[in-house]
Amino acid sequence: MRMKMIIAAATSAIILTGCGNSEKIDTIIKEQEQTESSSLSTSPYLSDQLGVTDSSGEYDIDLTQLNPSMVYAQVYDMVNNGEDYIGKTVRAKGPFSYYQEPDGREFFAVIISDATACCSQGIEFVLDGDYSYPDDSPTIGTEITVVGKFNYYKENYYTYCQLTDATMEANKFLSWE
């Protein structure tokens, strides 16, 4: 009986810390920096150092060009070091999400997952123009691409990142609602 309790406690500890341990992400970033150290620019931005800017120069950070592990590492850095990214043009791809607060405020987001899809981070976006939900929106879960200017704000004790002046497109010819 005691062994079962120990195993249950150990399993719970592993499950609870699976997505919360940033050491793996920090290690991936450091390994990538060391591997590409000869080609790194002098820019302080992780995205610039990893060549995230697309060849047309249209986006400062193009998350659609990174593998899932690097996308998650980049988004993690953006969330935790938001002041370094303010005003950068960001392009992101993922499922469309919508949420309405009880007070009526509406939030739109593109969901970014890690390689194993166990940890997700939503990036809120504020569309440029006059749109209404659900008339001008894709179905929840539809894969979209969003481009906007990075910003972050604090509400209560939380920090939220968002893309302002955003444009959104549905991918793979999926229909809008």
N, C-alpha and C. Protein backbone atom coordinates (compact mmCIF):
# COMPACT_ATOMS: atom_id res chain seq x y z
N MET A 1 0.82 -1.19 0.00
CA MET A 1 0.00 0.00 0.00
C MET A 1 0.87 1.26 0.00
N ARG A 2 1.93 1.22 0.80
CA ARG A 2 2.82 2.37 0.88
C ARG A 2 3.50 2.61 -0.47
N MET A 3 3.88 1.55 -1.16
CA MET A 3 4.53 1.66 -2.46
C MET A 3 3.59 2.31 -3.47
N LYS A 4 2.30 1.97 -3.42
CA LYS A 4 1.32 2.56 -4.32
C LYS A 4 1.22 4.07 -4.09
N MET A 5 1.26 4.47 -2.81
CA MET A 5 1.19 5.90 -2.49
C MET A 5 2.42 6.63 -3.01
N ILE A 6 3.58 6.02 -2.88
CA ILE A 6 4.81 6.65 -3.37
C ILE A 6 4.77 6.78 -4.88
N ILE A 7 4.35 5.74 -5.56
CA ILE A 7 4.25 5.77 -7.02
C ILE A 7 3.23 6.83 -7.47
N ALA A 8 2.09 6.89 -6.79
CA ALA A 8 1.06 7.88 -7.13
C ALA A 8 1.58 9.30 -6.92
N ALA A 9 2.30 9.54 -5.83
CA ALA A 9 2.85 10.86 -5.56
C ALA A 9 3.90 11.23 -6.60
N ALA A 10 4.77 10.30 -6.95
CA ALA A 10 5.81 10.56 -7.95
C ALA A 10 5.19 10.83 -9.31
N THR A 11 4.19 10.04 -9.68
CA THR A 11 3.51 10.25 -10.96
C THR A 11 2.83 11.60 -11.00
N SER A 12 2.17 11.98 -9.92
CA SER A 12 1.53 13.29 -9.85
C SER A 12 2.53 14.42 -10.00
N ALA A 13 3.67 14.28 -9.35
CA ALA A 13 4.71 15.32 -9.43
C ALA A 13 5.22 15.45 -10.87
N ILE A 14 5.41 14.34 -11.54
CA ILE A 14 5.89 14.38 -12.93
C ILE A 14 4.85 15.02 -13.83
N ILE A 15 3.59 14.65 -13.67
CA ILE A 15 2.53 15.21 -14.51
C ILE A 15 2.39 16.70 -14.27
N LEU A 16 2.41 17.14 -13.04
CA LEU A 16 2.23 18.55 -12.72
C LEU A 16 3.38 19.43 -13.19
N THR A 17 4.56 18.87 -13.33
CA THR A 17 5.70 19.69 -13.74
C THR A 17 6.04 19.51 -15.21
N GLY A 18 5.32 18.70 -15.94
CA GLY A 18 5.64 18.41 -17.34
C GLY A 18 5.73 19.64 -18.21
N CYS A 19 4.79 20.57 -18.14
CA CYS A 19 4.82 21.75 -19.00
C CYS A 19 5.38 22.96 -18.27
N GLY A 20 5.53 22.90 -16.98
CA GLY A 20 5.96 24.06 -16.23
C GLY A 20 7.46 24.21 -16.13
N ASN A 21 8.22 23.22 -16.51
CA ASN A 21 9.66 23.28 -16.38
C ASN A 21 10.26 23.97 -17.59
N SER A 22 10.77 25.17 -17.39
CA SER A 22 11.33 25.94 -18.51
C SER A 22 12.77 25.57 -18.80
N GLU A 23 13.38 24.70 -18.01
CA GLU A 23 14.77 24.33 -18.24
C GLU A 23 14.95 23.68 -19.61
N LYS A 24 14.00 22.86 -20.04
CA LYS A 24 14.10 22.22 -21.35
C LYS A 24 14.11 23.26 -22.45
N ILE A 25 13.24 24.25 -22.35
CA ILE A 25 13.16 25.30 -23.35
C ILE A 25 14.45 26.11 -23.35
N ASP A 26 14.93 26.47 -22.15
CA ASP A 26 16.18 27.22 -22.06
C ASP A 26 17.33 26.44 -22.67
N THR A 27 17.36 25.12 -22.45
CA THR A 27 18.41 24.27 -23.01
C THR A 27 18.33 24.26 -24.53
N ILE A 28 17.14 24.13 -25.09
CA ILE A 28 16.96 24.14 -26.55
C ILE A 28 17.47 25.45 -27.13
N ILE A 29 17.11 26.55 -26.49
CA ILE A 29 17.53 27.86 -26.98
C ILE A 29 19.05 27.98 -26.94
N LYS A 30 19.66 27.59 -25.82
CA LYS A 30 21.12 27.68 -25.69
C LYS A 30 21.84 26.79 -26.69
N GLU A 31 21.34 25.57 -26.89
CA GLU A 31 21.95 24.67 -27.88
C GLU A 31 21.86 25.26 -29.28
N GLN A 32 20.70 25.83 -29.61
CA GLN A 32 20.52 26.42 -30.93
C GLN A 32 21.45 27.61 -31.11
N GLU A 33 21.60 28.43 -30.06
CA GLU A 33 22.50 29.58 -30.14
C GLU A 33 23.95 29.13 -30.35
N GLN A 34 24.37 28.08 -29.63
CA GLN A 34 25.73 27.58 -29.78
C GLN A 34 25.96 26.99 -31.16
N THR A 35 24.99 26.24 -31.67
CA THR A 35 25.11 25.60 -32.97
C THR A 35 25.24 26.64 -34.08
N GLU A 36 24.50 27.73 -33.95
CA GLU A 36 24.50 28.73 -35.00
C GLU A 36 25.32 29.96 -34.63
N SER A 37 26.22 29.86 -33.66
CA SER A 37 26.95 31.03 -33.17
C SER A 37 27.76 31.72 -34.26
N SER A 38 28.25 30.99 -35.23
CA SER A 38 29.06 31.60 -36.27
C SER A 38 28.23 32.47 -37.20
N SER A 39 26.93 32.22 -37.29
CA SER A 39 26.09 32.99 -38.20
C SER A 39 25.16 33.95 -37.48
N LEU A 40 25.33 34.14 -36.18
CA LEU A 40 24.43 35.00 -35.43
C LEU A 40 24.69 36.47 -35.73
N SER A 41 23.61 37.24 -35.80
CA SER A 41 23.73 38.67 -35.95
C SER A 41 23.98 39.29 -34.57
N THR A 42 24.11 40.58 -34.53
CA THR A 42 24.30 41.26 -33.26
C THR A 42 22.97 41.66 -32.63
N SER A 43 21.87 41.28 -33.22
CA SER A 43 20.55 41.62 -32.70
C SER A 43 20.29 40.93 -31.37
N PRO A 44 19.65 41.64 -30.42
CA PRO A 44 19.33 41.02 -29.13
C PRO A 44 18.12 40.10 -29.19
N TYR A 45 17.41 40.03 -30.30
CA TYR A 45 16.20 39.23 -30.39
C TYR A 45 16.50 37.81 -30.80
N LEU A 46 15.98 36.87 -30.04
CA LEU A 46 16.14 35.45 -30.36
C LEU A 46 15.66 35.18 -31.77
N SER A 47 14.55 35.76 -32.16
CA SER A 47 13.98 35.51 -33.48
C SER A 47 14.92 35.97 -34.59
N ASP A 48 15.56 37.11 -34.44
CA ASP A 48 16.50 37.59 -35.45
C ASP A 48 17.72 36.68 -35.52
N GLN A 49 18.19 36.23 -34.38
CA GLN A 49 19.38 35.39 -34.34
C GLN A 49 19.14 34.04 -35.00
N LEU A 50 17.91 33.56 -34.93
CA LEU A 50 17.59 32.26 -35.51
C LEU A 50 17.11 32.37 -36.95
N GLY A 51 17.15 33.56 -37.52
CA GLY A 51 16.73 33.73 -38.90
C GLY A 51 15.23 33.65 -39.08
N VAL A 52 14.47 34.12 -38.11
CA VAL A 52 13.02 34.02 -38.20
C VAL A 52 12.45 35.03 -39.18
N THR A 53 13.13 36.15 -39.39
CA THR A 53 12.64 37.14 -40.33
C THR A 53 12.58 36.50 -41.71
N ASP A 54 11.44 36.66 -42.38
CA ASP A 54 11.31 36.02 -43.69
C ASP A 54 12.15 36.76 -44.72
N SER A 55 12.41 36.12 -45.83
CA SER A 55 13.31 36.68 -46.83
C SER A 55 12.77 37.95 -47.47
N SER A 56 11.46 38.16 -47.45
CA SER A 56 10.90 39.37 -48.04
C SER A 56 11.02 40.56 -47.09
N GLY A 57 11.36 40.31 -45.83
CA GLY A 57 11.46 41.38 -44.84
C GLY A 57 10.11 41.87 -44.37
N GLU A 58 9.05 41.14 -44.72
CA GLU A 58 7.69 41.54 -44.38
C GLU A 58 7.39 41.37 -42.90
N TYR A 59 8.00 40.36 -42.26
CA TYR A 59 7.73 40.06 -40.85
C TYR A 59 9.04 40.08 -40.08
N ASP A 60 8.97 40.62 -38.85
CA ASP A 60 10.13 40.55 -37.97
C ASP A 60 10.26 39.15 -37.39
N ILE A 61 9.13 38.54 -37.07
CA ILE A 61 9.11 37.20 -36.49
C ILE A 61 8.05 36.39 -37.23
N ASP A 62 8.48 35.37 -37.96
CA ASP A 62 7.56 34.52 -38.70
C ASP A 62 7.55 33.15 -38.04
N LEU A 63 6.60 32.96 -37.14
CA LEU A 63 6.50 31.70 -36.40
C LEU A 63 6.09 30.54 -37.30
N THR A 64 5.54 30.84 -38.47
CA THR A 64 5.10 29.78 -39.38
C THR A 64 6.27 29.06 -40.03
N GLN A 65 7.48 29.60 -39.91
CA GLN A 65 8.65 29.00 -40.55
C GLN A 65 9.48 28.14 -39.61
N LEU A 66 9.09 28.06 -38.34
CA LEU A 66 9.86 27.31 -37.34
C LEU A 66 9.24 25.96 -37.06
N ASN A 67 10.09 25.00 -36.63
CA ASN A 67 9.56 23.70 -36.23
C ASN A 67 8.83 23.88 -34.89
N PRO A 68 7.98 22.92 -34.50
CA PRO A 68 7.15 23.09 -33.30
C PRO A 68 7.92 23.39 -32.02
N SER A 69 9.09 22.77 -31.83
CA SER A 69 9.86 23.03 -30.61
C SER A 69 10.37 24.47 -30.58
N MET A 70 10.84 24.96 -31.72
CA MET A 70 11.37 26.31 -31.77
C MET A 70 10.25 27.35 -31.70
N VAL A 71 9.09 27.05 -32.27
CA VAL A 71 7.95 27.97 -32.16
C VAL A 71 7.60 28.15 -30.69
N TYR A 72 7.51 27.04 -29.97
CA TYR A 72 7.15 27.13 -28.56
C TYR A 72 8.22 27.90 -27.77
N ALA A 73 9.49 27.64 -28.08
CA ALA A 73 10.58 28.36 -27.40
C ALA A 73 10.51 29.86 -27.71
N GLN A 74 10.24 30.20 -28.96
CA GLN A 74 10.14 31.61 -29.35
C GLN A 74 8.97 32.29 -28.65
N VAL A 75 7.80 31.65 -28.63
CA VAL A 75 6.63 32.22 -27.98
C VAL A 75 6.88 32.36 -26.47
N TYR A 76 7.52 31.37 -25.89
CA TYR A 76 7.86 31.44 -24.47
C TYR A 76 8.72 32.67 -24.20
N ASP A 77 9.71 32.92 -25.06
CA ASP A 77 10.58 34.08 -24.90
C ASP A 77 9.78 35.37 -25.08
N MET A 78 8.86 35.39 -26.03
CA MET A 78 8.05 36.58 -26.27
C MET A 78 7.16 36.89 -25.06
N VAL A 79 6.58 35.86 -24.48
CA VAL A 79 5.70 36.04 -23.32
C VAL A 79 6.49 36.53 -22.11
N ASN A 80 7.67 35.98 -21.91
CA ASN A 80 8.45 36.31 -20.72
C ASN A 80 9.37 37.51 -20.88
N ASN A 81 9.59 37.96 -22.10
CA ASN A 81 10.43 39.13 -22.37
C ASN A 81 9.72 40.06 -23.33
N GLY A 82 8.43 40.32 -23.08
CA GLY A 82 7.60 41.09 -23.99
C GLY A 82 8.14 42.44 -24.37
N GLU A 83 8.81 43.11 -23.42
CA GLU A 83 9.33 44.45 -23.72
C GLU A 83 10.34 44.43 -24.87
N ASP A 84 10.99 43.30 -25.11
CA ASP A 84 11.96 43.19 -26.21
C ASP A 84 11.30 43.07 -27.58
N TYR A 85 10.00 42.79 -27.61
CA TYR A 85 9.32 42.52 -28.86
C TYR A 85 8.27 43.56 -29.25
N ILE A 86 8.03 44.55 -28.41
CA ILE A 86 6.99 45.53 -28.69
C ILE A 86 7.21 46.17 -30.06
N GLY A 87 6.13 46.19 -30.85
CA GLY A 87 6.17 46.82 -32.17
C GLY A 87 6.68 45.93 -33.29
N LYS A 88 7.20 44.76 -32.97
CA LYS A 88 7.68 43.84 -34.00
C LYS A 88 6.48 43.24 -34.75
N THR A 89 6.62 43.05 -36.04
CA THR A 89 5.57 42.42 -36.84
C THR A 89 5.72 40.91 -36.71
N VAL A 90 4.66 40.27 -36.23
CA VAL A 90 4.68 38.83 -35.95
C VAL A 90 3.64 38.13 -36.83
N ARG A 91 4.04 36.98 -37.36
CA ARG A 91 3.14 36.13 -38.13
C ARG A 91 3.03 34.80 -37.41
N ALA A 92 1.80 34.36 -37.14
CA ALA A 92 1.58 33.12 -36.40
C ALA A 92 0.48 32.31 -37.07
N LYS A 93 0.58 30.98 -36.92
CA LYS A 93 -0.42 30.08 -37.50
C LYS A 93 -0.87 29.08 -36.44
N GLY A 94 -2.16 28.79 -36.42
CA GLY A 94 -2.70 27.81 -35.49
C GLY A 94 -4.22 27.88 -35.48
N PRO A 95 -4.86 27.10 -34.63
CA PRO A 95 -6.32 27.10 -34.55
C PRO A 95 -6.87 28.42 -34.01
N PHE A 96 -7.98 28.85 -34.58
CA PHE A 96 -8.68 30.05 -34.14
C PHE A 96 -9.42 29.77 -32.84
N SER A 97 -9.38 30.73 -31.92
CA SER A 97 -10.08 30.59 -30.65
C SER A 97 -10.79 31.90 -30.32
N TYR A 98 -11.91 31.77 -29.62
CA TYR A 98 -12.72 32.93 -29.24
C TYR A 98 -13.17 32.76 -27.80
N TYR A 99 -13.20 33.89 -27.07
CA TYR A 99 -13.70 33.85 -25.70
C TYR A 99 -14.41 35.17 -25.41
N GLN A 100 -15.54 35.09 -24.70
CA GLN A 100 -16.26 36.29 -24.29
C GLN A 100 -16.37 36.31 -22.77
N GLU A 101 -15.91 37.41 -22.18
CA GLU A 101 -16.01 37.61 -20.73
C GLU A 101 -17.46 37.87 -20.35
N PRO A 102 -17.82 37.60 -19.11
CA PRO A 102 -19.19 37.90 -18.65
C PRO A 102 -19.57 39.37 -18.83
N ASP A 103 -18.57 40.27 -18.81
CA ASP A 103 -18.87 41.69 -18.99
C ASP A 103 -19.03 42.08 -20.46
N GLY A 104 -18.93 41.10 -21.39
CA GLY A 104 -19.14 41.36 -22.80
C GLY A 104 -17.89 41.54 -23.64
N ARG A 105 -16.72 41.72 -22.98
CA ARG A 105 -15.48 41.87 -23.75
C ARG A 105 -15.19 40.58 -24.52
N GLU A 106 -14.75 40.74 -25.76
CA GLU A 106 -14.44 39.60 -26.62
C GLU A 106 -12.94 39.51 -26.87
N PHE A 107 -12.46 38.28 -26.94
CA PHE A 107 -11.04 38.03 -27.19
C PHE A 107 -10.91 36.99 -28.30
N PHE A 108 -10.01 37.28 -29.24
CA PHE A 108 -9.69 36.35 -30.32
C PHE A 108 -8.24 35.93 -30.15
N ALA A 109 -7.94 34.67 -30.45
CA ALA A 109 -6.57 34.19 -30.28
C ALA A 109 -6.23 33.14 -31.32
N VAL A 110 -4.94 33.02 -31.57
CA VAL A 110 -4.40 31.92 -32.36
C VAL A 110 -3.64 31.06 -31.35
N ILE A 111 -3.87 29.75 -31.38
CA ILE A 111 -3.29 28.85 -30.38
C ILE A 111 -1.99 28.24 -30.92
N ILE A 112 -0.93 28.34 -30.12
CA ILE A 112 0.37 27.79 -30.47
C ILE A 112 0.63 26.61 -29.54
N SER A 113 0.96 25.45 -30.10
CA SER A 113 1.26 24.26 -29.29
C SER A 113 2.72 23.88 -29.43
N ASP A 114 3.23 23.15 -28.44
CA ASP A 114 4.59 22.62 -28.55
C ASP A 114 4.57 21.35 -29.39
N ALA A 115 5.73 20.73 -29.55
CA ALA A 115 5.88 19.56 -30.43
C ALA A 115 4.97 18.41 -30.02
N THR A 116 4.75 18.22 -28.74
CA THR A 116 3.92 17.10 -28.28
C THR A 116 2.47 17.51 -28.07
N ALA A 117 2.16 18.76 -28.30
CA ALA A 117 0.81 19.32 -28.16
C ALA A 117 0.27 19.21 -26.74
N CYS A 118 1.16 19.11 -25.76
CA CYS A 118 0.69 19.06 -24.37
C CYS A 118 0.59 20.45 -23.78
N CYS A 119 1.39 21.38 -24.28
CA CYS A 119 1.40 22.73 -23.73
C CYS A 119 1.01 23.71 -24.83
N SER A 120 0.05 24.55 -24.55
CA SER A 120 -0.41 25.52 -25.54
C SER A 120 -0.30 26.92 -24.98
N GLN A 121 -0.09 27.86 -25.89
CA GLN A 121 -0.05 29.27 -25.53
C GLN A 121 -0.90 30.01 -26.55
N GLY A 122 -1.89 30.72 -26.10
CA GLY A 122 -2.71 31.51 -27.01
C GLY A 122 -2.13 32.89 -27.16
N ILE A 123 -2.08 33.38 -28.39
CA ILE A 123 -1.68 34.76 -28.63
C ILE A 123 -2.94 35.50 -29.07
N GLU A 124 -3.35 36.43 -28.23
CA GLU A 124 -4.53 37.23 -28.53
C GLU A 124 -4.23 38.13 -29.72
N PHE A 125 -5.23 38.42 -30.53
CA PHE A 125 -5.05 39.40 -31.59
C PHE A 125 -6.25 40.32 -31.65
N VAL A 126 -5.98 41.57 -32.05
CA VAL A 126 -7.00 42.59 -32.19
C VAL A 126 -7.02 42.96 -33.66
N LEU A 127 -8.12 42.62 -34.34
CA LEU A 127 -8.20 42.84 -35.78
C LEU A 127 -8.27 44.32 -36.12
N ASP A 128 -7.60 44.68 -37.22
CA ASP A 128 -7.64 46.03 -37.76
C ASP A 128 -8.91 46.14 -38.59
N GLY A 129 -9.83 46.99 -38.20
CA GLY A 129 -11.07 47.14 -38.93
C GLY A 129 -12.27 46.86 -38.05
N ASP A 130 -13.44 46.85 -38.67
CA ASP A 130 -14.69 46.66 -37.94
C ASP A 130 -15.24 45.28 -38.25
N TYR A 131 -15.11 44.35 -37.30
CA TYR A 131 -15.55 42.98 -37.47
C TYR A 131 -16.47 42.61 -36.32
N SER A 132 -17.35 41.65 -36.58
CA SER A 132 -18.21 41.16 -35.51
C SER A 132 -18.15 39.64 -35.49
N TYR A 133 -18.26 39.10 -34.28
CA TYR A 133 -18.27 37.66 -34.11
C TYR A 133 -19.71 37.20 -33.97
N PRO A 134 -20.17 36.18 -34.61
CA PRO A 134 -19.47 35.20 -35.44
C PRO A 134 -19.52 35.50 -36.94
N ASP A 135 -20.21 36.60 -37.32
CA ASP A 135 -20.42 36.88 -38.74
C ASP A 135 -19.14 36.98 -39.56
N ASP A 136 -18.12 37.62 -39.02
CA ASP A 136 -16.88 37.87 -39.77
C ASP A 136 -15.74 36.98 -39.29
N SER A 137 -16.05 35.82 -38.75
CA SER A 137 -15.02 34.97 -38.15
C SER A 137 -15.07 33.55 -38.69
N PRO A 138 -13.93 32.89 -38.67
CA PRO A 138 -13.94 31.46 -39.04
C PRO A 138 -14.53 30.64 -37.89
N THR A 139 -14.82 29.40 -38.15
CA THR A 139 -15.30 28.49 -37.13
C THR A 139 -14.18 28.26 -36.11
N ILE A 140 -14.54 28.17 -34.84
CA ILE A 140 -13.54 27.90 -33.80
C ILE A 140 -12.81 26.61 -34.15
N GLY A 141 -11.49 26.64 -34.06
CA GLY A 141 -10.67 25.49 -34.38
C GLY A 141 -10.11 25.50 -35.80
N THR A 142 -10.62 26.39 -36.65
CA THR A 142 -10.11 26.51 -38.02
C THR A 142 -8.68 27.04 -37.96
N GLU A 143 -7.80 26.44 -38.74
CA GLU A 143 -6.41 26.92 -38.77
C GLU A 143 -6.38 28.25 -39.51
N ILE A 144 -5.76 29.23 -38.86
CA ILE A 144 -5.66 30.58 -39.43
C ILE A 144 -4.21 31.04 -39.38
N THR A 145 -3.91 32.06 -40.14
CA THR A 145 -2.64 32.77 -40.05
C THR A 145 -2.97 34.20 -39.67
N VAL A 146 -2.28 34.72 -38.67
CA VAL A 146 -2.50 36.08 -38.18
C VAL A 146 -1.19 36.85 -38.27
N VAL A 147 -1.28 38.10 -38.70
CA VAL A 147 -0.13 38.99 -38.75
C VAL A 147 -0.52 40.26 -38.00
N GLY A 148 0.35 40.71 -37.09
CA GLY A 148 0.07 41.93 -36.35
C GLY A 148 1.30 42.43 -35.62
N LYS A 149 1.17 43.57 -34.98
CA LYS A 149 2.25 44.19 -34.20
C LYS A 149 2.19 43.67 -32.77
N PHE A 150 3.33 43.21 -32.27
CA PHE A 150 3.37 42.64 -30.92
C PHE A 150 3.20 43.73 -29.88
N ASN A 151 2.41 43.39 -28.87
CA ASN A 151 2.19 44.27 -27.72
C ASN A 151 1.90 43.36 -26.52
N TYR A 152 2.01 43.89 -25.34
CA TYR A 152 1.57 43.14 -24.16
C TYR A 152 0.95 44.12 -23.17
N TYR A 153 0.12 43.59 -22.30
CA TYR A 153 -0.51 44.41 -21.28
C TYR A 153 -0.70 43.59 -20.02
N LYS A 154 -0.87 44.29 -18.92
CA LYS A 154 -1.07 43.63 -17.63
C LYS A 154 -2.49 43.90 -17.16
N GLU A 155 -3.11 42.84 -16.67
CA GLU A 155 -4.46 42.95 -16.13
C GLU A 155 -4.49 42.12 -14.85
N ASN A 156 -4.83 42.77 -13.74
CA ASN A 156 -4.74 42.15 -12.43
C ASN A 156 -3.30 41.70 -12.22
N TYR A 157 -3.07 40.44 -11.99
CA TYR A 157 -1.71 39.96 -11.75
C TYR A 157 -1.09 39.28 -12.96
N TYR A 158 -1.79 39.30 -14.09
CA TYR A 158 -1.35 38.54 -15.25
C TYR A 158 -0.85 39.46 -16.36
N THR A 159 0.09 38.95 -17.15
CA THR A 159 0.58 39.64 -18.32
C THR A 159 0.09 38.88 -19.55
N TYR A 160 -0.48 39.61 -20.50
CA TYR A 160 -1.02 39.01 -21.72
C TYR A 160 -0.31 39.61 -22.93
N CYS A 161 0.01 38.77 -23.90
CA CYS A 161 0.58 39.30 -25.13
C CYS A 161 -0.50 39.31 -26.19
N GLN A 162 -0.37 40.24 -27.13
CA GLN A 162 -1.37 40.37 -28.17
C GLN A 162 -0.73 40.92 -29.44
N LEU A 163 -1.40 40.68 -30.55
CA LEU A 163 -1.00 41.26 -31.84
C LEU A 163 -2.06 42.30 -32.17
N THR A 164 -1.64 43.55 -32.32
CA THR A 164 -2.57 44.63 -32.62
C THR A 164 -2.54 44.94 -34.11
N ASP A 165 -3.54 45.68 -34.59
CA ASP A 165 -3.66 46.01 -36.01
C ASP A 165 -3.52 44.74 -36.86
N ALA A 166 -4.12 43.66 -36.40
CA ALA A 166 -3.92 42.34 -37.00
C ALA A 166 -4.81 42.11 -38.22
N THR A 167 -4.28 41.27 -39.10
CA THR A 167 -5.07 40.74 -40.21
C THR A 167 -5.09 39.23 -40.05
N MET A 168 -6.17 38.60 -40.52
CA MET A 168 -6.33 37.17 -40.34
C MET A 168 -6.76 36.57 -41.66
N GLU A 169 -6.24 35.38 -41.94
CA GLU A 169 -6.68 34.64 -43.12
C GLU A 169 -6.89 33.18 -42.75
N ALA A 170 -7.86 32.55 -43.36
CA ALA A 170 -8.08 31.12 -43.15
C ALA A 170 -7.09 30.37 -44.04
N ASN A 171 -6.61 29.25 -43.58
CA ASN A 171 -5.65 28.46 -44.34
C ASN A 171 -6.32 27.27 -45.00
N LYS A 172 -5.69 26.77 -46.02
CA LYS A 172 -6.11 25.53 -46.69
C LYS A 172 -7.54 25.57 -47.17
N PHE A 173 -8.02 26.74 -47.57
CA PHE A 173 -9.34 26.90 -48.16
C PHE A 173 -10.46 26.40 -47.26
N LEU A 174 -10.27 26.48 -45.96
CA LEU A 174 -11.34 26.08 -45.03
C LEU A 174 -12.42 27.17 -45.05
N SER A 175 -13.64 26.75 -44.93
CA SER A 175 -14.75 27.69 -45.04
C SER A 175 -14.92 28.51 -43.75
N TRP A 176 -15.44 29.70 -43.93
CA TRP A 176 -15.78 30.56 -42.81
C TRP A 176 -17.19 30.22 -42.38
N GLU A 177 -17.48 30.45 -41.14
CA GLU A 177 -18.80 30.15 -40.58
C GLU A 177 -19.87 31.02 -41.20
